[in-house]
Amino acid sequence: MSCYFRHMKEIFEDAGIEVTKANKKQVDKIVHGLVDIEYKNCSPTWKAVKEQIKGDDKTRNRFIERLKEQS
């Protein structure tokens, strides 16, 4: 799994996404796209995701909604 997925279990649950071996690459690409970071660039992606999910509830919920829409 991507280096940051273990930190996003709750986010994936809230988005109704079950990360499996079959879909983890697709989910990873979606997350990279949501934060506009080149795919497979893990550390900057996690940094950008953290800013969106650790902030206020409105920003967190918007990220979750966008994740739902893309998956």
N, C-alpha and C. Protein backbone atom coordinates (compact mmCIF):
# COMPACT_ATOMS: atom_id res chain seq x y z
N MET A 1 0.83 -1.19 0.00
CA MET A 1 0.00 0.00 0.00
C MET A 1 0.87 1.24 0.00
N SER A 2 0.26 2.29 -0.38
CA SER A 2 0.97 3.56 -0.39
C SER A 2 1.39 3.90 1.03
N CYS A 3 2.44 4.67 1.15
CA CYS A 3 3.03 4.94 2.45
C CYS A 3 2.08 5.65 3.41
N TYR A 4 1.09 6.34 2.91
CA TYR A 4 0.21 7.12 3.78
C TYR A 4 -1.16 6.48 4.00
N PHE A 5 -1.46 5.39 3.33
CA PHE A 5 -2.78 4.78 3.44
C PHE A 5 -3.11 4.39 4.88
N ARG A 6 -2.13 3.94 5.62
CA ARG A 6 -2.41 3.50 7.00
C ARG A 6 -2.92 4.66 7.85
N HIS A 7 -2.60 5.88 7.47
CA HIS A 7 -3.05 7.05 8.21
C HIS A 7 -4.44 7.51 7.76
N MET A 8 -4.93 6.93 6.68
CA MET A 8 -6.18 7.39 6.08
C MET A 8 -7.33 6.40 6.22
N LYS A 9 -7.19 5.41 7.09
CA LYS A 9 -8.24 4.39 7.23
C LYS A 9 -9.60 5.02 7.49
N GLU A 10 -9.65 5.96 8.39
CA GLU A 10 -10.92 6.61 8.74
C GLU A 10 -11.48 7.41 7.55
N ILE A 11 -10.60 8.06 6.81
CA ILE A 11 -11.03 8.83 5.64
C ILE A 11 -11.64 7.90 4.59
N PHE A 12 -10.97 6.79 4.33
CA PHE A 12 -11.49 5.82 3.36
C PHE A 12 -12.83 5.25 3.84
N GLU A 13 -12.94 4.96 5.13
CA GLU A 13 -14.20 4.46 5.68
C GLU A 13 -15.31 5.49 5.49
N ASP A 14 -15.01 6.75 5.81
CA ASP A 14 -16.01 7.82 5.66
C ASP A 14 -16.42 8.01 4.20
N ALA A 15 -15.51 7.73 3.29
CA ALA A 15 -15.81 7.86 1.86
C ALA A 15 -16.46 6.59 1.30
N GLY A 16 -16.55 5.56 2.13
CA GLY A 16 -17.14 4.30 1.67
C GLY A 16 -16.24 3.52 0.74
N ILE A 17 -14.95 3.68 0.92
CA ILE A 17 -13.97 3.01 0.05
C ILE A 17 -13.26 1.92 0.84
N GLU A 18 -13.30 0.72 0.30
CA GLU A 18 -12.52 -0.37 0.87
C GLU A 18 -11.30 -0.56 -0.02
N VAL A 19 -10.14 -0.29 0.53
CA VAL A 19 -8.91 -0.43 -0.24
C VAL A 19 -8.51 -1.90 -0.24
N THR A 20 -8.39 -2.45 -1.44
CA THR A 20 -8.01 -3.84 -1.61
C THR A 20 -6.76 -3.91 -2.48
N LYS A 21 -6.22 -5.09 -2.56
CA LYS A 21 -5.06 -5.30 -3.43
C LYS A 21 -5.41 -4.94 -4.88
N ALA A 22 -6.64 -5.22 -5.26
CA ALA A 22 -7.08 -4.99 -6.64
C ALA A 22 -7.26 -3.51 -6.97
N ASN A 23 -7.62 -2.68 -5.97
CA ASN A 23 -7.92 -1.27 -6.29
C ASN A 23 -6.96 -0.26 -5.68
N LYS A 24 -5.96 -0.72 -4.93
CA LYS A 24 -5.11 0.24 -4.20
C LYS A 24 -4.35 1.19 -5.13
N LYS A 25 -3.91 0.70 -6.29
CA LYS A 25 -3.19 1.57 -7.22
C LYS A 25 -4.12 2.66 -7.76
N GLN A 26 -5.33 2.27 -8.10
CA GLN A 26 -6.31 3.23 -8.61
C GLN A 26 -6.64 4.28 -7.53
N VAL A 27 -6.86 3.84 -6.31
CA VAL A 27 -7.16 4.76 -5.21
C VAL A 27 -5.98 5.69 -4.98
N ASP A 28 -4.78 5.15 -5.03
CA ASP A 28 -3.57 5.96 -4.84
C ASP A 28 -3.48 7.05 -5.91
N LYS A 29 -3.77 6.69 -7.15
CA LYS A 29 -3.74 7.68 -8.24
C LYS A 29 -4.80 8.76 -8.03
N ILE A 30 -5.96 8.36 -7.55
CA ILE A 30 -7.03 9.33 -7.27
C ILE A 30 -6.59 10.31 -6.21
N VAL A 31 -6.01 9.81 -5.12
CA VAL A 31 -5.56 10.69 -4.03
C VAL A 31 -4.50 11.65 -4.54
N HIS A 32 -3.54 11.15 -5.31
CA HIS A 32 -2.51 12.02 -5.89
C HIS A 32 -3.16 13.12 -6.73
N GLY A 33 -4.15 12.75 -7.52
CA GLY A 33 -4.83 13.72 -8.36
C GLY A 33 -5.58 14.77 -7.56
N LEU A 34 -6.18 14.36 -6.45
CA LEU A 34 -6.93 15.30 -5.62
C LEU A 34 -6.06 16.40 -5.04
N VAL A 35 -4.79 16.07 -4.79
CA VAL A 35 -3.88 17.07 -4.21
C VAL A 35 -2.89 17.60 -5.25
N ASP A 36 -3.10 17.19 -6.51
CA ASP A 36 -2.30 17.68 -7.64
C ASP A 36 -0.80 17.45 -7.46
N ILE A 37 -0.47 16.20 -7.07
CA ILE A 37 0.93 15.79 -6.91
C ILE A 37 1.16 14.61 -7.85
N GLU A 38 2.32 14.60 -8.50
CA GLU A 38 2.65 13.54 -9.44
C GLU A 38 2.57 12.17 -8.75
N TYR A 39 1.98 11.20 -9.47
CA TYR A 39 1.81 9.85 -8.94
C TYR A 39 3.15 9.23 -8.54
N LYS A 40 3.11 8.52 -7.45
CA LYS A 40 4.23 7.82 -6.82
C LYS A 40 5.16 8.75 -6.06
N ASN A 41 4.75 9.97 -5.83
CA ASN A 41 5.53 10.90 -5.03
C ASN A 41 4.87 10.96 -3.65
N CYS A 42 5.22 9.99 -2.81
CA CYS A 42 4.48 9.71 -1.60
C CYS A 42 4.54 10.80 -0.53
N SER A 43 5.72 11.21 -0.13
CA SER A 43 5.84 12.16 0.99
C SER A 43 5.13 13.49 0.73
N PRO A 44 5.33 14.12 -0.42
CA PRO A 44 4.60 15.37 -0.68
C PRO A 44 3.08 15.16 -0.75
N THR A 45 2.68 13.98 -1.23
CA THR A 45 1.25 13.69 -1.30
C THR A 45 0.66 13.62 0.10
N TRP A 46 1.32 12.90 1.00
CA TRP A 46 0.83 12.78 2.36
C TRP A 46 0.81 14.15 3.04
N LYS A 47 1.80 14.96 2.81
CA LYS A 47 1.84 16.31 3.40
C LYS A 47 0.62 17.12 2.94
N ALA A 48 0.32 17.06 1.65
CA ALA A 48 -0.82 17.81 1.11
C ALA A 48 -2.15 17.24 1.61
N VAL A 49 -2.25 15.92 1.69
CA VAL A 49 -3.47 15.29 2.19
C VAL A 49 -3.69 15.68 3.65
N LYS A 50 -2.62 15.63 4.45
CA LYS A 50 -2.72 15.99 5.87
C LYS A 50 -3.30 17.38 6.06
N GLU A 51 -2.86 18.31 5.23
CA GLU A 51 -3.36 19.68 5.34
C GLU A 51 -4.86 19.73 5.13
N GLN A 52 -5.37 18.84 4.31
CA GLN A 52 -6.80 18.85 4.02
C GLN A 52 -7.63 18.06 5.02
N ILE A 53 -7.07 17.00 5.59
CA ILE A 53 -7.88 16.17 6.48
C ILE A 53 -7.66 16.47 7.96
N LYS A 54 -6.61 17.17 8.28
CA LYS A 54 -6.33 17.50 9.68
C LYS A 54 -6.81 18.89 10.06
N GLY A 55 -7.27 19.64 9.07
CA GLY A 55 -7.72 21.00 9.31
C GLY A 55 -9.14 21.03 9.83
N ASP A 56 -9.87 22.03 9.42
CA ASP A 56 -11.25 22.17 9.87
C ASP A 56 -12.14 21.12 9.22
N ASP A 57 -13.29 20.90 9.82
CA ASP A 57 -14.21 19.87 9.34
C ASP A 57 -14.70 20.13 7.91
N LYS A 58 -14.89 21.38 7.56
CA LYS A 58 -15.38 21.71 6.22
C LYS A 58 -14.38 21.25 5.15
N THR A 59 -13.10 21.53 5.38
CA THR A 59 -12.06 21.13 4.44
C THR A 59 -11.95 19.61 4.38
N ARG A 60 -11.99 18.97 5.53
CA ARG A 60 -11.92 17.50 5.61
C ARG A 60 -13.09 16.87 4.85
N ASN A 61 -14.29 17.37 5.11
CA ASN A 61 -15.48 16.82 4.46
C ASN A 61 -15.46 17.05 2.95
N ARG A 62 -14.95 18.18 2.53
CA ARG A 62 -14.84 18.46 1.09
C ARG A 62 -13.88 17.46 0.44
N PHE A 63 -12.75 17.16 1.11
CA PHE A 63 -11.81 16.18 0.59
C PHE A 63 -12.48 14.81 0.46
N ILE A 64 -13.23 14.41 1.49
CA ILE A 64 -13.92 13.12 1.47
C ILE A 64 -14.93 13.07 0.34
N GLU A 65 -15.68 14.14 0.14
CA GLU A 65 -16.67 14.18 -0.94
C GLU A 65 -16.00 14.06 -2.31
N ARG A 66 -14.91 14.76 -2.48
CA ARG A 66 -14.17 14.68 -3.75
C ARG A 66 -13.63 13.27 -3.97
N LEU A 67 -13.16 12.64 -2.90
CA LEU A 67 -12.66 11.27 -2.98
C LEU A 67 -13.78 10.32 -3.39
N LYS A 68 -14.96 10.49 -2.80
CA LYS A 68 -16.12 9.66 -3.17
C LYS A 68 -16.45 9.83 -4.65
N GLU A 69 -16.47 11.07 -5.11
CA GLU A 69 -16.83 11.35 -6.50
C GLU A 69 -15.85 10.73 -7.49
N GLN A 70 -14.59 10.70 -7.13
CA GLN A 70 -13.56 10.20 -8.04
C GLN A 70 -13.45 8.67 -8.05
N SER A 71 -13.90 8.04 -6.98
CA SER A 71 -13.72 6.58 -6.89
C SER A 71 -14.92 5.81 -7.40
